[in-house]
Amino acid sequence: MSATELGEYRPFGDEPFMNDRQKEYFRRKLLAWKQEILKENKGTLNNLAEDDHHLPDIADRASSETEKALELRTRDRQRKLISKIDAALRRIENDDYGYCEETGEPISLERLEARPIATLSLEAQERHERSEKVHRDD
């Protein structure tokens, strides 16, 4: 299958679930997402490396420190996201990708398109969130 074919390809429901084309589509989607995050992280590192101690105004310095703290939090979230992307790529290699970890049923293509790192079907995710809410309310 050529890159052009895959570039125009979108998974659809009336083909066999997680066939080779679908797996390759999601593998490429995940890899592109990971590359984008890594590129953003490189920019964050460059921003953090800039020395703002020469700012004469204490308010400017404080603002700069707040921005850097926010960038670090964002970078930490992205680090966690990369590990989820890597886990999804491993699931593709193991032929587990696209199936709910809880029920073993296929996760809808629409859900995977919107959240390619999904490990639960929409129904299982909703049950999980309701359960968390009940435990939080205790």
N, C-alpha and C. Protein backbone atom coordinates (compact mmCIF):
# COMPACT_ATOMS: atom_id res chain seq x y z
N MET A 1 0.85 -1.17 0.00
CA MET A 1 0.00 0.00 0.00
C MET A 1 0.90 1.24 0.00
N SER A 2 0.62 2.12 -0.91
CA SER A 2 1.47 3.30 -1.05
C SER A 2 1.12 4.37 -0.02
N ALA A 3 2.05 5.30 0.18
CA ALA A 3 1.83 6.41 1.11
C ALA A 3 0.69 7.28 0.63
N THR A 4 0.56 7.43 -0.69
CA THR A 4 -0.52 8.23 -1.25
C THR A 4 -1.86 7.60 -0.91
N GLU A 5 -1.94 6.28 -1.07
CA GLU A 5 -3.18 5.58 -0.72
C GLU A 5 -3.54 5.81 0.75
N LEU A 6 -2.56 5.66 1.63
CA LEU A 6 -2.81 5.84 3.05
C LEU A 6 -3.11 7.29 3.38
N GLY A 7 -2.48 8.22 2.69
CA GLY A 7 -2.72 9.63 2.96
C GLY A 7 -4.16 10.03 2.70
N GLU A 8 -4.79 9.39 1.75
CA GLU A 8 -6.17 9.69 1.41
C GLU A 8 -7.13 8.74 2.12
N TYR A 9 -6.64 7.68 2.69
CA TYR A 9 -7.48 6.65 3.31
C TYR A 9 -8.05 7.13 4.64
N ARG A 10 -9.30 6.78 4.89
CA ARG A 10 -9.96 6.97 6.18
C ARG A 10 -10.66 5.66 6.50
N PRO A 11 -10.47 5.14 7.71
CA PRO A 11 -11.16 3.90 8.07
C PRO A 11 -12.67 4.07 8.01
N PHE A 12 -13.35 3.03 7.57
CA PHE A 12 -14.80 3.08 7.57
C PHE A 12 -15.35 1.76 8.09
N GLY A 13 -16.59 1.81 8.57
CA GLY A 13 -17.18 0.71 9.33
C GLY A 13 -17.54 -0.53 8.56
N ASP A 14 -17.67 -0.46 7.24
CA ASP A 14 -18.09 -1.67 6.53
C ASP A 14 -16.92 -2.48 5.98
N GLU A 15 -15.74 -2.25 6.52
CA GLU A 15 -14.59 -3.10 6.18
C GLU A 15 -14.21 -3.88 7.44
N PRO A 16 -13.46 -4.96 7.30
CA PRO A 16 -13.10 -5.74 8.49
C PRO A 16 -12.37 -4.86 9.52
N PHE A 17 -12.79 -4.99 10.79
CA PHE A 17 -12.23 -4.16 11.86
C PHE A 17 -10.75 -4.49 12.09
N MET A 18 -9.95 -3.44 12.20
CA MET A 18 -8.51 -3.49 12.42
C MET A 18 -7.80 -4.38 11.40
N ASN A 19 -8.20 -4.17 10.15
CA ASN A 19 -7.47 -4.82 9.06
C ASN A 19 -6.12 -4.12 8.92
N ASP A 20 -5.29 -4.61 8.04
CA ASP A 20 -3.94 -4.05 7.89
C ASP A 20 -3.96 -2.57 7.53
N ARG A 21 -4.91 -2.14 6.70
CA ARG A 21 -4.98 -0.72 6.31
C ARG A 21 -5.32 0.15 7.52
N GLN A 22 -6.27 -0.31 8.33
CA GLN A 22 -6.65 0.46 9.52
C GLN A 22 -5.50 0.54 10.50
N LYS A 23 -4.84 -0.59 10.73
CA LYS A 23 -3.70 -0.58 11.67
C LYS A 23 -2.61 0.36 11.18
N GLU A 24 -2.31 0.33 9.89
CA GLU A 24 -1.28 1.20 9.35
C GLU A 24 -1.71 2.66 9.44
N TYR A 25 -2.98 2.95 9.19
CA TYR A 25 -3.51 4.30 9.30
C TYR A 25 -3.31 4.84 10.72
N PHE A 26 -3.72 4.05 11.72
CA PHE A 26 -3.60 4.52 13.10
C PHE A 26 -2.13 4.55 13.54
N ARG A 27 -1.32 3.64 13.06
CA ARG A 27 0.11 3.67 13.39
C ARG A 27 0.73 4.97 12.90
N ARG A 28 0.44 5.34 11.67
CA ARG A 28 0.98 6.59 11.11
C ARG A 28 0.43 7.82 11.83
N LYS A 29 -0.85 7.76 12.18
CA LYS A 29 -1.48 8.87 12.90
C LYS A 29 -0.80 9.06 14.26
N LEU A 30 -0.55 7.96 14.96
CA LEU A 30 0.10 8.03 16.27
C LEU A 30 1.54 8.52 16.14
N LEU A 31 2.26 8.03 15.15
CA LEU A 31 3.65 8.46 14.96
C LEU A 31 3.73 9.95 14.62
N ALA A 32 2.81 10.43 13.79
CA ALA A 32 2.79 11.86 13.45
C ALA A 32 2.48 12.70 14.68
N TRP A 33 1.57 12.24 15.51
CA TRP A 33 1.22 12.95 16.74
C TRP A 33 2.42 13.00 17.67
N LYS A 34 3.12 11.88 17.79
CA LYS A 34 4.30 11.82 18.65
C LYS A 34 5.38 12.78 18.14
N GLN A 35 5.61 12.81 16.83
CA GLN A 35 6.61 13.72 16.26
C GLN A 35 6.26 15.17 16.53
N GLU A 36 4.98 15.50 16.42
CA GLU A 36 4.53 16.87 16.69
C GLU A 36 4.80 17.26 18.14
N ILE A 37 4.53 16.35 19.06
CA ILE A 37 4.76 16.61 20.48
C ILE A 37 6.25 16.79 20.75
N LEU A 38 7.08 15.92 20.16
CA LEU A 38 8.52 16.02 20.35
C LEU A 38 9.06 17.34 19.81
N LYS A 39 8.51 17.79 18.69
CA LYS A 39 8.93 19.07 18.11
C LYS A 39 8.56 20.21 19.05
N GLU A 40 7.34 20.16 19.61
CA GLU A 40 6.91 21.19 20.57
C GLU A 40 7.79 21.17 21.81
N ASN A 41 8.14 19.97 22.27
CA ASN A 41 9.00 19.86 23.46
C ASN A 41 10.36 20.49 23.22
N LYS A 42 10.87 20.34 22.02
CA LYS A 42 12.17 20.94 21.70
C LYS A 42 12.08 22.47 21.81
N GLY A 43 10.97 23.03 21.33
CA GLY A 43 10.75 24.47 21.45
C GLY A 43 10.65 24.90 22.90
N THR A 44 9.98 24.08 23.71
CA THR A 44 9.85 24.37 25.14
C THR A 44 11.22 24.40 25.79
N LEU A 45 12.05 23.43 25.47
CA LEU A 45 13.40 23.38 26.05
C LEU A 45 14.19 24.63 25.68
N ASN A 46 14.05 25.07 24.42
CA ASN A 46 14.75 26.28 24.00
C ASN A 46 14.26 27.50 24.78
N ASN A 47 12.93 27.57 24.98
CA ASN A 47 12.37 28.69 25.75
C ASN A 47 12.85 28.66 27.20
N LEU A 48 12.91 27.49 27.78
CA LEU A 48 13.33 27.38 29.17
C LEU A 48 14.81 27.71 29.34
N ALA A 49 15.58 27.48 28.30
CA ALA A 49 17.01 27.73 28.37
C ALA A 49 17.34 29.23 28.32
N GLU A 50 16.40 30.03 27.84
CA GLU A 50 16.64 31.47 27.77
C GLU A 50 16.77 32.04 29.18
N ASP A 51 17.74 32.88 29.37
CA ASP A 51 18.00 33.47 30.69
C ASP A 51 17.20 34.76 30.84
N ASP A 52 16.25 34.77 31.78
CA ASP A 52 15.44 35.96 32.02
C ASP A 52 15.84 36.67 33.30
N HIS A 53 16.95 36.29 33.89
CA HIS A 53 17.37 36.92 35.14
C HIS A 53 17.80 38.37 34.93
N HIS A 54 18.03 38.72 33.68
CA HIS A 54 18.43 40.11 33.39
C HIS A 54 17.24 41.06 33.34
N LEU A 55 16.02 40.53 33.47
CA LEU A 55 14.85 41.41 33.46
C LEU A 55 14.90 42.33 34.68
N PRO A 56 14.89 43.64 34.47
CA PRO A 56 15.03 44.57 35.59
C PRO A 56 13.78 44.65 36.47
N ASP A 57 12.62 44.45 35.89
CA ASP A 57 11.38 44.59 36.65
C ASP A 57 11.01 43.27 37.32
N ILE A 58 10.76 43.32 38.61
CA ILE A 58 10.44 42.10 39.37
C ILE A 58 9.13 41.48 38.88
N ALA A 59 8.18 42.31 38.45
CA ALA A 59 6.91 41.79 37.93
C ALA A 59 7.14 41.03 36.61
N ASP A 60 8.04 41.56 35.77
CA ASP A 60 8.36 40.87 34.51
C ASP A 60 9.02 39.53 34.80
N ARG A 61 9.92 39.52 35.78
CA ARG A 61 10.61 38.29 36.16
C ARG A 61 9.61 37.26 36.69
N ALA A 62 8.67 37.73 37.54
CA ALA A 62 7.66 36.84 38.11
C ALA A 62 6.77 36.27 37.01
N SER A 63 6.40 37.10 36.07
CA SER A 63 5.57 36.67 34.95
C SER A 63 6.32 35.61 34.13
N SER A 64 7.60 35.85 33.91
CA SER A 64 8.42 34.90 33.15
C SER A 64 8.51 33.55 33.88
N GLU A 65 8.68 33.60 35.19
CA GLU A 65 8.76 32.36 35.97
C GLU A 65 7.43 31.59 35.93
N THR A 66 6.32 32.31 35.96
CA THR A 66 5.01 31.67 35.88
C THR A 66 4.84 30.99 34.53
N GLU A 67 5.23 31.67 33.47
CA GLU A 67 5.15 31.08 32.13
C GLU A 67 6.02 29.83 32.03
N LYS A 68 7.19 29.86 32.61
CA LYS A 68 8.07 28.70 32.57
C LYS A 68 7.48 27.53 33.37
N ALA A 69 6.85 27.82 34.50
CA ALA A 69 6.21 26.76 35.29
C ALA A 69 5.08 26.13 34.50
N LEU A 70 4.32 26.95 33.79
CA LEU A 70 3.24 26.43 32.97
C LEU A 70 3.79 25.57 31.84
N GLU A 71 4.87 26.00 31.23
CA GLU A 71 5.50 25.22 30.17
C GLU A 71 5.97 23.87 30.70
N LEU A 72 6.53 23.86 31.91
CA LEU A 72 6.98 22.60 32.50
C LEU A 72 5.82 21.65 32.77
N ARG A 73 4.71 22.19 33.24
CA ARG A 73 3.52 21.35 33.47
C ARG A 73 3.02 20.77 32.15
N THR A 74 2.99 21.62 31.13
CA THR A 74 2.56 21.16 29.81
C THR A 74 3.49 20.09 29.29
N ARG A 75 4.77 20.29 29.47
CA ARG A 75 5.76 19.31 29.00
C ARG A 75 5.59 17.97 29.73
N ASP A 76 5.27 18.02 31.03
CA ASP A 76 5.04 16.80 31.79
C ASP A 76 3.81 16.06 31.26
N ARG A 77 2.76 16.80 30.94
CA ARG A 77 1.57 16.18 30.35
C ARG A 77 1.92 15.52 29.01
N GLN A 78 2.72 16.22 28.22
CA GLN A 78 3.11 15.69 26.92
C GLN A 78 3.98 14.44 27.07
N ARG A 79 4.83 14.42 28.10
CA ARG A 79 5.65 13.23 28.36
C ARG A 79 4.75 12.03 28.64
N LYS A 80 3.71 12.25 29.45
CA LYS A 80 2.76 11.17 29.75
C LYS A 80 2.00 10.75 28.50
N LEU A 81 1.66 11.72 27.67
CA LEU A 81 0.96 11.42 26.42
C LEU A 81 1.83 10.59 25.49
N ILE A 82 3.11 10.90 25.43
CA ILE A 82 4.02 10.12 24.59
C ILE A 82 4.06 8.66 25.06
N SER A 83 4.05 8.43 26.36
CA SER A 83 4.07 7.05 26.85
C SER A 83 2.77 6.34 26.47
N LYS A 84 1.64 7.07 26.44
CA LYS A 84 0.38 6.46 26.00
C LYS A 84 0.41 6.17 24.50
N ILE A 85 1.02 7.06 23.74
CA ILE A 85 1.15 6.83 22.29
C ILE A 85 2.03 5.60 22.05
N ASP A 86 3.14 5.50 22.78
CA ASP A 86 4.02 4.33 22.65
C ASP A 86 3.28 3.04 23.00
N ALA A 87 2.44 3.10 24.04
CA ALA A 87 1.66 1.92 24.43
C ALA A 87 0.67 1.55 23.32
N ALA A 88 0.06 2.55 22.69
CA ALA A 88 -0.87 2.29 21.59
C ALA A 88 -0.14 1.67 20.40
N LEU A 89 1.07 2.16 20.12
CA LEU A 89 1.87 1.58 19.03
C LEU A 89 2.22 0.12 19.33
N ARG A 90 2.52 -0.19 20.59
CA ARG A 90 2.79 -1.59 20.97
C ARG A 90 1.54 -2.45 20.79
N ARG A 91 0.37 -1.88 21.13
CA ARG A 91 -0.88 -2.63 20.95
C ARG A 91 -1.13 -2.93 19.47
N ILE A 92 -0.75 -1.99 18.59
CA ILE A 92 -0.89 -2.24 17.15
C ILE A 92 0.00 -3.42 16.76
N GLU A 93 1.24 -3.41 17.23
CA GLU A 93 2.18 -4.50 16.91
C GLU A 93 1.68 -5.84 17.45
N ASN A 94 1.02 -5.82 18.60
CA ASN A 94 0.53 -7.05 19.24
C ASN A 94 -0.87 -7.43 18.79
N ASP A 95 -1.44 -6.68 17.85
CA ASP A 95 -2.81 -6.90 17.37
C ASP A 95 -3.87 -6.75 18.46
N ASP A 96 -3.60 -5.94 19.47
CA ASP A 96 -4.57 -5.65 20.52
C ASP A 96 -5.22 -4.29 20.32
N TYR A 97 -4.69 -3.49 19.41
CA TYR A 97 -5.15 -2.12 19.24
C TYR A 97 -6.60 -2.10 18.74
N GLY A 98 -7.37 -1.18 19.32
CA GLY A 98 -8.73 -0.98 18.86
C GLY A 98 -9.76 -1.80 19.62
N TYR A 99 -9.29 -2.59 20.57
CA TYR A 99 -10.20 -3.42 21.36
C TYR A 99 -10.20 -2.95 22.81
N CYS A 100 -11.38 -2.92 23.40
CA CYS A 100 -11.56 -2.45 24.76
C CYS A 100 -10.82 -3.36 25.74
N GLU A 101 -10.02 -2.77 26.61
CA GLU A 101 -9.29 -3.55 27.62
C GLU A 101 -10.22 -4.22 28.61
N GLU A 102 -11.40 -3.64 28.80
CA GLU A 102 -12.33 -4.16 29.79
C GLU A 102 -13.23 -5.26 29.23
N THR A 103 -13.76 -5.03 28.02
CA THR A 103 -14.75 -5.96 27.46
C THR A 103 -14.21 -6.81 26.32
N GLY A 104 -13.14 -6.38 25.70
CA GLY A 104 -12.61 -7.09 24.54
C GLY A 104 -13.35 -6.75 23.25
N GLU A 105 -14.39 -5.93 23.35
CA GLU A 105 -15.16 -5.52 22.17
C GLU A 105 -14.40 -4.45 21.40
N PRO A 106 -14.68 -4.33 20.10
CA PRO A 106 -14.04 -3.26 19.31
C PRO A 106 -14.43 -1.87 19.82
N ILE A 107 -13.46 -0.97 19.84
CA ILE A 107 -13.71 0.44 20.13
C ILE A 107 -14.13 1.06 18.80
N SER A 108 -15.13 1.91 18.83
CA SER A 108 -15.63 2.48 17.57
C SER A 108 -14.52 3.24 16.83
N LEU A 109 -14.58 3.17 15.51
CA LEU A 109 -13.61 3.89 14.69
C LEU A 109 -13.70 5.39 14.94
N GLU A 110 -14.90 5.90 15.20
CA GLU A 110 -15.07 7.32 15.48
C GLU A 110 -14.31 7.70 16.75
N ARG A 111 -14.39 6.85 17.77
CA ARG A 111 -13.68 7.12 19.03
C ARG A 111 -12.17 7.07 18.80
N LEU A 112 -11.71 6.07 18.06
CA LEU A 112 -10.27 5.95 17.79
C LEU A 112 -9.77 7.11 16.94
N GLU A 113 -10.61 7.58 16.04
CA GLU A 113 -10.22 8.73 15.21
C GLU A 113 -10.04 9.96 16.09
N ALA A 114 -10.96 10.15 17.04
CA ALA A 114 -10.90 11.31 17.93
C ALA A 114 -9.84 11.16 19.01
N ARG A 115 -9.65 9.94 19.50
CA ARG A 115 -8.69 9.68 20.59
C ARG A 115 -7.96 8.37 20.27
N PRO A 116 -6.92 8.44 19.44
CA PRO A 116 -6.26 7.21 18.98
C PRO A 116 -5.56 6.42 20.10
N ILE A 117 -5.44 7.00 21.29
CA ILE A 117 -4.81 6.27 22.40
C ILE A 117 -5.85 5.60 23.29
N ALA A 118 -7.13 5.65 22.89
CA ALA A 118 -8.21 5.09 23.70
C ALA A 118 -7.97 3.60 23.95
N THR A 119 -8.23 3.20 25.19
CA THR A 119 -8.10 1.78 25.56
C THR A 119 -9.44 1.19 25.98
N LEU A 120 -10.44 2.04 26.13
CA LEU A 120 -11.77 1.60 26.54
C LEU A 120 -12.80 2.04 25.51
N SER A 121 -13.82 1.22 25.32
CA SER A 121 -14.94 1.64 24.47
C SER A 121 -15.63 2.80 25.16
N LEU A 122 -16.47 3.49 24.43
CA LEU A 122 -17.17 4.63 24.99
C LEU A 122 -18.01 4.21 26.19
N GLU A 123 -18.69 3.08 26.07
CA GLU A 123 -19.54 2.60 27.17
C GLU A 123 -18.70 2.26 28.40
N ALA A 124 -17.58 1.57 28.20
CA ALA A 124 -16.71 1.22 29.32
C ALA A 124 -16.10 2.47 29.95
N GLN A 125 -15.74 3.45 29.13
CA GLN A 125 -15.19 4.70 29.64
C GLN A 125 -16.23 5.44 30.48
N GLU A 126 -17.47 5.47 30.01
CA GLU A 126 -18.53 6.12 30.78
C GLU A 126 -18.75 5.42 32.11
N ARG A 127 -18.75 4.08 32.13
CA ARG A 127 -18.89 3.33 33.38
C ARG A 127 -17.74 3.66 34.33
N HIS A 128 -16.54 3.71 33.78
CA HIS A 128 -15.35 4.02 34.57
C HIS A 128 -15.47 5.41 35.19
N GLU A 129 -15.90 6.39 34.40
CA GLU A 129 -16.03 7.76 34.90
C GLU A 129 -17.14 7.87 35.94
N ARG A 130 -18.25 7.16 35.74
CA ARG A 130 -19.32 7.16 36.75
C ARG A 130 -18.81 6.56 38.05
N SER A 131 -18.05 5.49 37.94
CA SER A 131 -17.50 4.83 39.12
C SER A 131 -16.54 5.76 39.86
N GLU A 132 -15.69 6.48 39.12
CA GLU A 132 -14.78 7.44 39.74
C GLU A 132 -15.55 8.54 40.45
N LYS A 133 -16.62 9.02 39.84
CA LYS A 133 -17.42 10.09 40.43
C LYS A 133 -18.06 9.61 41.72
N VAL A 134 -18.55 8.38 41.75
CA VAL A 134 -19.16 7.82 42.96
C VAL A 134 -18.12 7.75 44.07
N HIS A 135 -16.91 7.29 43.75
CA HIS A 135 -15.87 7.17 44.76
C HIS A 135 -15.38 8.53 45.25
N ARG A 136 -15.38 9.53 44.37
CA ARG A 136 -14.98 10.89 44.76
C ARG A 136 -16.01 11.49 45.69
N ASP A 137 -17.27 11.17 45.48
CA ASP A 137 -18.34 11.74 46.28
C ASP A 137 -18.41 11.15 47.67
N ASP A 138 -17.74 10.02 47.88
CA ASP A 138 -17.77 9.36 49.20
C ASP A 138 -17.07 10.16 50.26
